[in-house]
C-alpha atoms as a PDB file:
ATOM      1  CA  MET A   1      11.820  -2.559  13.056  1.00  0.00           C
ATOM      2  CA  LYS A   2      15.218  -1.846  14.599  1.00  0.00           C
ATOM      3  CA  CYS A   3      15.941   1.843  15.316  1.00  0.00           C
ATOM      4  CA  PRO A   4      19.040   3.038  13.390  1.00  0.00           C
ATOM      5  CA  ALA A   5      19.931   5.416  16.274  1.00  0.00           C
ATOM      6  CA  CYS A   6      19.650   3.232  19.395  1.00  0.00           C
ATOM      7  CA  SER A   7      18.946  -0.279  17.985  1.00  0.00           C
ATOM      8  CA  ALA A   8      15.712  -0.592  19.983  1.00  0.00           C
ATOM      9  CA  LEU A   9      13.183  -2.957  18.415  1.00  0.00           C
ATOM     10  CA  GLU A  10      10.082  -0.995  19.381  1.00  0.00           C
ATOM     11  CA  SER A  11       8.799   1.714  17.036  1.00  0.00           C
ATOM     12  CA  LYS A  12       5.460   3.051  15.874  1.00  0.00           C
ATOM     13  CA  VAL A  13       4.324   3.997  12.387  1.00  0.00           C
ATOM     14  CA  ILE A  14       3.550   7.702  12.079  1.00  0.00           C
ATOM     15  CA  ASP A  15       2.754   7.886   8.364  1.00  0.00           C
ATOM     16  CA  SER A  16       2.457   5.494   5.372  1.00  0.00           C
ATOM     17  CA  ARG A  17       2.496   6.476   1.717  1.00  0.00           C
ATOM     18  CA  PRO A  18       2.405   4.255  -1.368  1.00  0.00           C
ATOM     19  CA  SER A  19       4.741   4.932  -4.298  1.00  0.00           C
ATOM     20  CA  GLU A  20       3.299   6.234  -7.568  1.00  0.00           C
ATOM     21  CA  ASP A  21       3.209   2.783  -9.149  1.00  0.00           C
ATOM     22  CA  GLY A  22       1.881   1.137  -5.972  1.00  0.00           C
ATOM     23  CA  THR A  23       4.735  -1.360  -5.656  1.00  0.00           C
ATOM     24  CA  LEU A  24       6.322   0.212  -2.574  1.00  0.00           C
ATOM     25  CA  ILE A  25       5.119   1.691   0.712  1.00  0.00           C
ATOM     26  CA  ARG A  26       7.208   4.313   2.503  1.00  0.00           C
ATOM     27  CA  ARG A  27       6.645   4.331   6.248  1.00  0.00           C
ATOM     28  CA  ARG A  28       7.707   7.078   8.629  1.00  0.00           C
ATOM     29  CA  ARG A  29       8.457   5.592  12.058  1.00  0.00           C
ATOM     30  CA  GLU A  30       9.310   6.850  15.531  1.00  0.00           C
ATOM     31  CA  CYS A  31      11.420   4.889  18.005  1.00  0.00           C
ATOM     32  CA  LEU A  32       9.545   4.337  21.286  1.00  0.00           C
ATOM     33  CA  VAL A  33      12.817   4.423  23.274  1.00  0.00           C
ATOM     34  CA  CYS A  34      14.784   7.423  21.916  1.00  0.00           C
ATOM     35  CA  GLN A  35      11.984   9.176  19.928  1.00  0.00           C
ATOM     36  CA  LYS A  36      14.179   9.449  16.791  1.00  0.00           C
ATOM     37  CA  ARG A  37      12.292   9.294  13.502  1.00  0.00           C
ATOM     38  CA  PHE A  38      13.324   7.202  10.532  1.00  0.00           C
ATOM     39  CA  SER A  39      11.860   5.942   7.263  1.00  0.00           C
ATOM     40  CA  THR A  40      11.474   2.426   5.937  1.00  0.00           C
ATOM     41  CA  ASN A  41      10.414   1.097   2.565  1.00  0.00           C
ATOM     42  CA  GLU A  42       8.292  -2.003   2.258  1.00  0.00           C
ATOM     43  CA  GLN A  43       7.805  -3.947  -0.948  1.00  0.00           C
ATOM     44  CA  ILE A  44       6.684  -7.366  -2.084  1.00  0.00           C
ATOM     45  CA  GLU A  45       9.424  -9.951  -2.027  1.00  0.00           C
ATOM     46  CA  ARG A  46       9.470 -11.734  -5.342  1.00  0.00           C
ATOM     47  CA  THR A  47      11.172 -14.975  -6.229  1.00  0.00           C
ATOM     48  CA  PRO A  48      14.147 -14.429  -8.531  1.00  0.00           C
ATOM     49  CA  LEU A  49      13.363 -14.840 -12.210  1.00  0.00           C
ATOM     50  CA  ILE A  50      15.825 -16.832 -14.329  1.00  0.00           C
ATOM     51  CA  VAL A  51      16.128 -16.164 -18.063  1.00  0.00           C
ATOM     52  CA  ILE A  52      16.962 -19.057 -20.385  1.00  0.00           C
ATOM     53  CA  LYS A  53      18.965 -17.743 -23.324  1.00  0.00           C
ATOM     54  CA  LYS A  54      19.042 -19.121 -26.890  1.00  0.00           C
ATOM     55  CA  ASP A  55      22.129 -21.208 -26.116  1.00  0.00           C
ATOM     56  CA  SER A  56      20.292 -22.676 -23.061  1.00  0.00           C
ATOM     57  CA  THR A  57      22.482 -20.857 -20.552  1.00  0.00           C
ATOM     58  CA  ARG A  58      20.649 -19.344 -17.605  1.00  0.00           C
ATOM     59  CA  GLU A  59      21.100 -15.958 -15.981  1.00  0.00           C
ATOM     60  CA  PRO A  60      19.111 -13.839 -13.527  1.00  0.00           C
ATOM     61  CA  PHE A  61      16.550 -11.452 -15.025  1.00  0.00           C
ATOM     62  CA  ASP A  62      18.201  -8.046 -15.380  1.00  0.00           C
ATOM     63  CA  ARG A  63      15.758  -5.166 -15.499  1.00  0.00           C
ATOM     64  CA  SER A  64      18.497  -2.743 -16.560  1.00  0.00           C
ATOM     65  CA  LYS A  65      19.371  -4.947 -19.540  1.00  0.00           C
ATOM     66  CA  VAL A  66      15.761  -4.779 -20.741  1.00  0.00           C
ATOM     67  CA  MET A  67      15.796  -1.013 -20.207  1.00  0.00           C
ATOM     68  CA  ARG A  68      19.026  -0.596 -22.225  1.00  0.00           C
ATOM     69  CA  GLY A  69      17.607  -2.605 -25.129  1.00  0.00           C
ATOM     70  CA  ILE A  70      14.438  -0.537 -25.266  1.00  0.00           C
ATOM     71  CA  ILE A  71      16.338   2.748 -24.933  1.00  0.00           C
ATOM     72  CA  LYS A  72      18.601   1.685 -27.815  1.00  0.00           C
ATOM     73  CA  ALA A  73      15.573   0.874 -29.991  1.00  0.00           C
ATOM     74  CA  CYS A  74      13.966   4.229 -29.117  1.00  0.00           C
ATOM     75  CA  GLU A  75      17.148   6.244 -29.687  1.00  0.00           C
ATOM     76  CA  LYS A  76      16.419   9.562 -31.463  1.00  0.00           C
ATOM     77  CA  ARG A  77      12.691   8.795 -31.429  1.00  0.00           C
ATOM     78  CA  PRO A  78       9.989  10.886 -29.720  1.00  0.00           C
ATOM     79  CA  VAL A  79       9.409   8.308 -26.987  1.00  0.00           C
ATOM     80  CA  PRO A  80       9.311   9.736 -23.454  1.00  0.00           C
ATOM     81  CA  MET A  81      11.420   8.042 -20.791  1.00  0.00           C
ATOM     82  CA  ALA A  82       8.252   7.547 -18.723  1.00  0.00           C
ATOM     83  CA  ASP A  83       6.828   5.359 -21.526  1.00  0.00           C
ATOM     84  CA  ILE A  84      10.028   3.309 -21.682  1.00  0.00           C
ATOM     85  CA  GLU A  85       9.949   2.801 -17.907  1.00  0.00           C
ATOM     86  CA  ALA A  86       6.295   1.762 -18.155  1.00  0.00           C
ATOM     87  CA  VAL A  87       7.175  -0.871 -20.781  1.00  0.00           C
ATOM     88  CA  VAL A  88       9.935  -2.276 -18.573  1.00  0.00           C
ATOM     89  CA  ARG A  89       7.604  -2.327 -15.557  1.00  0.00           C
ATOM     90  CA  ASP A  90       4.811  -4.012 -17.572  1.00  0.00           C
ATOM     91  CA  VAL A  91       7.160  -6.649 -18.975  1.00  0.00           C
ATOM     92  CA  GLU A  92       8.624  -7.413 -15.551  1.00  0.00           C
ATOM     93  CA  THR A  93       5.150  -7.602 -13.989  1.00  0.00           C
ATOM     94  CA  ALA A  94       3.882  -9.893 -16.753  1.00  0.00           C
ATOM     95  CA  LEU A  95       6.826 -12.247 -16.215  1.00  0.00           C
ATOM     96  CA  HIS A  96       6.318 -12.371 -12.444  1.00  0.00           C
ATOM     97  CA  ASN A  97       2.545 -12.828 -12.828  1.00  0.00           C
ATOM     98  CA  ARG A  98       3.140 -16.046 -14.756  1.00  0.00           C
ATOM     99  CA  MET A  99       4.222 -17.542 -11.436  1.00  0.00           C
ATOM    100  CA  GLU A 100       7.072 -19.441 -13.081  1.00  0.00           C
ATOM    101  CA  SER A 101      10.667 -19.077 -11.960  1.00  0.00           C
ATOM    102  CA  GLU A 102      12.129 -19.381 -15.473  1.00  0.00           C
ATOM    103  CA  CYS A 103      11.332 -17.899 -18.868  1.00  0.00           C
ATOM    104  CA  TRP A 104      12.932 -17.889 -22.293  1.00  0.00           C
ATOM    105  CA  SER A 105      14.627 -14.721 -23.535  1.00  0.00           C
ATOM    106  CA  SER A 106      12.483 -15.012 -26.681  1.00  0.00           C
ATOM    107  CA  GLU A 107       9.339 -14.590 -24.536  1.00  0.00           C
ATOM    108  CA  ILE A 108      10.754 -11.388 -23.096  1.00  0.00           C
ATOM    109  CA  GLY A 109      11.506 -10.154 -26.613  1.00  0.00           C
ATOM    110  CA  VAL A 110       7.943 -10.820 -27.763  1.00  0.00           C
ATOM    111  CA  LEU A 111       6.519  -8.947 -24.754  1.00  0.00           C
ATOM    112  CA  ILE A 112       8.777  -5.980 -25.511  1.00  0.00           C
ATOM    113  CA  MET A 113       7.866  -6.003 -29.215  1.00  0.00           C
ATOM    114  CA  ASP A 114       4.142  -6.039 -28.389  1.00  0.00           C
ATOM    115  CA  HIS A 115       4.610  -2.863 -26.353  1.00  0.00           C
ATOM    116  CA  LEU A 116       6.905  -1.157 -28.874  1.00  0.00           C
ATOM    117  CA  LYS A 117       4.479  -1.871 -31.709  1.00  0.00           C
ATOM    118  CA  LYS A 118       1.917   0.310 -29.917  1.00  0.00           C
ATOM    119  CA  LEU A 119       4.491   2.914 -28.878  1.00  0.00           C
ATOM    120  CA  ASP A 120       6.624   3.639 -31.954  1.00  0.00           C
ATOM    121  CA  ASP A 121       6.865   1.840 -35.309  1.00  0.00           C
ATOM    122  CA  VAL A 122      10.541   2.645 -35.874  1.00  0.00           C
ATOM    123  CA  ALA A 123      11.538   1.503 -32.383  1.00  0.00           C
ATOM    124  CA  TYR A 124       9.540  -1.690 -32.962  1.00  0.00           C
ATOM    125  CA  VAL A 125      11.343  -2.445 -36.246  1.00  0.00           C
ATOM    126  CA  ARG A 126      14.736  -1.687 -34.697  1.00  0.00           C
ATOM    127  CA  PHE A 127      14.083  -4.012 -31.778  1.00  0.00           C
ATOM    128  CA  ALA A 128      12.537  -6.716 -33.991  1.00  0.00           C
ATOM    129  CA  SER A 129      15.529  -6.661 -36.354  1.00  0.00           C
ATOM    130  CA  VAL A 130      17.823  -7.596 -33.463  1.00  0.00           C
ATOM    131  CA  HIS A 131      15.408  -9.918 -31.641  1.00  0.00           C
ATOM    132  CA  ARG A 132      14.352 -11.857 -34.743  1.00  0.00           C
ATOM    133  CA  GLU A 133      17.850 -11.711 -36.227  1.00  0.00           C
ATOM    134  CA  PHE A 134      16.835 -10.558 -39.701  1.00  0.00           C
ATOM    135  CA  LYS A 135      19.219 -12.366 -42.030  1.00  0.00           C
ATOM    136  CA  ASP A 136      18.690 -10.248 -45.126  1.00  0.00           C
ATOM    137  CA  LEU A 137      16.785  -7.336 -46.626  1.00  0.00           C
ATOM    138  CA  ASN A 138      13.844  -9.536 -47.691  1.00  0.00           C
ATOM    139  CA  THR A 139      13.137 -10.607 -44.108  1.00  0.00           C
ATOM    140  CA  PHE A 140      13.323  -6.971 -43.042  1.00  0.00           C
ATOM    141  CA  MET A 141      10.922  -5.925 -45.836  1.00  0.00           C
ATOM    142  CA  GLU A 142       8.452  -8.686 -44.913  1.00  0.00           C
ATOM    143  CA  GLU A 143       8.301  -7.323 -41.377  1.00  0.00           C
ATOM    144  CA  LEU A 144       7.785  -3.768 -42.659  1.00  0.00           C
ATOM    145  CA  LYS A 145       4.978  -4.913 -44.975  1.00  0.00           C
ATOM    146  CA  TYR A 146       3.321  -6.763 -42.096  1.00  0.00           C
ATOM    147  CA  LEU A 147       3.557  -3.654 -39.929  1.00  0.00           C
ATOM    148  CA  MET A 148       2.152  -1.391 -42.664  1.00  0.00           C
ATOM    149  CA  ARG A 149      -0.709  -3.806 -43.422  1.00  0.00           C
ATOM    150  CA  ASN A 150      -1.732  -3.892 -39.752  1.00  0.00           C
ATOM    151  CA  LYS A 151      -1.394  -0.109 -39.461  1.00  0.00           C
ATOM    152  CA  ARG A 152      -3.710   0.403 -42.456  1.00  0.00           C
ATOM    153  CA  GLN A 153      -6.286  -1.999 -41.016  1.00  0.00           C
ATOM    154  CA  ARG A 154      -6.321  -0.070 -37.729  1.00  0.00           C
ATOM    155  CA  SER A 155      -6.599   3.327 -39.431  1.00  0.00           C
ATOM    156  CA  VAL A 156      -9.420   2.469 -41.866  1.00  0.00           C
ATOM    157  CA  PRO A 157     -12.520   4.229 -40.562  1.00  0.00           C
ATOM    158  CA  SER A 158     -15.555   2.050 -40.050  1.00  0.00           C
ATOM    159  CA  LYS A 159     -18.462   2.693 -42.402  1.00  0.00           C
ATOM    160  CA  ASP A 160     -21.074   5.020 -41.087  1.00  0.00           C
ATOM    161  CA  THR A 161     -24.317   3.022 -40.952  1.00  0.00           C
ATOM    162  CA  ARG A 162     -26.486   5.934 -39.795  1.00  0.00           C
ATOM    163  CA  LYS A 163     -29.210   7.064 -42.189  1.00  0.00           C
ATOM    164  CA  PRO A 164     -29.242  10.728 -43.261  1.00  0.00           C
END
């Protein structure tokens, strides 16, 4: 690692600390020539991910675009920013773990909806209405009924089979 003070190439690592999410390592270094200390960040180099849009155009994956869409869906809802950041991180990780360089925007939308469904029902419906392009009120109501049916199934307590 090149020293920012004297440009020497020799340095030693004094301390290493991983980031909270484990995707980055911060290293504290000391130049062996001038003894100046400096920090470096090391992270995995990933291949760029290309998103194929509905009209078949391609653009680079934009993490901030995903974040903006989720924030918009969660607007005025009791969803902490940490949860939104976790969704973005999980979606991005899932896309990179597929080991493919391209993905459809619809796949990204489905991943986001799966997370929002667990996080906040209203945010899920808001996002789904844009992602699925609800054409009319009936389509919107069908999605609400589906959501309510699944919510009831999850909240029904299982029968107690213990004997008194």
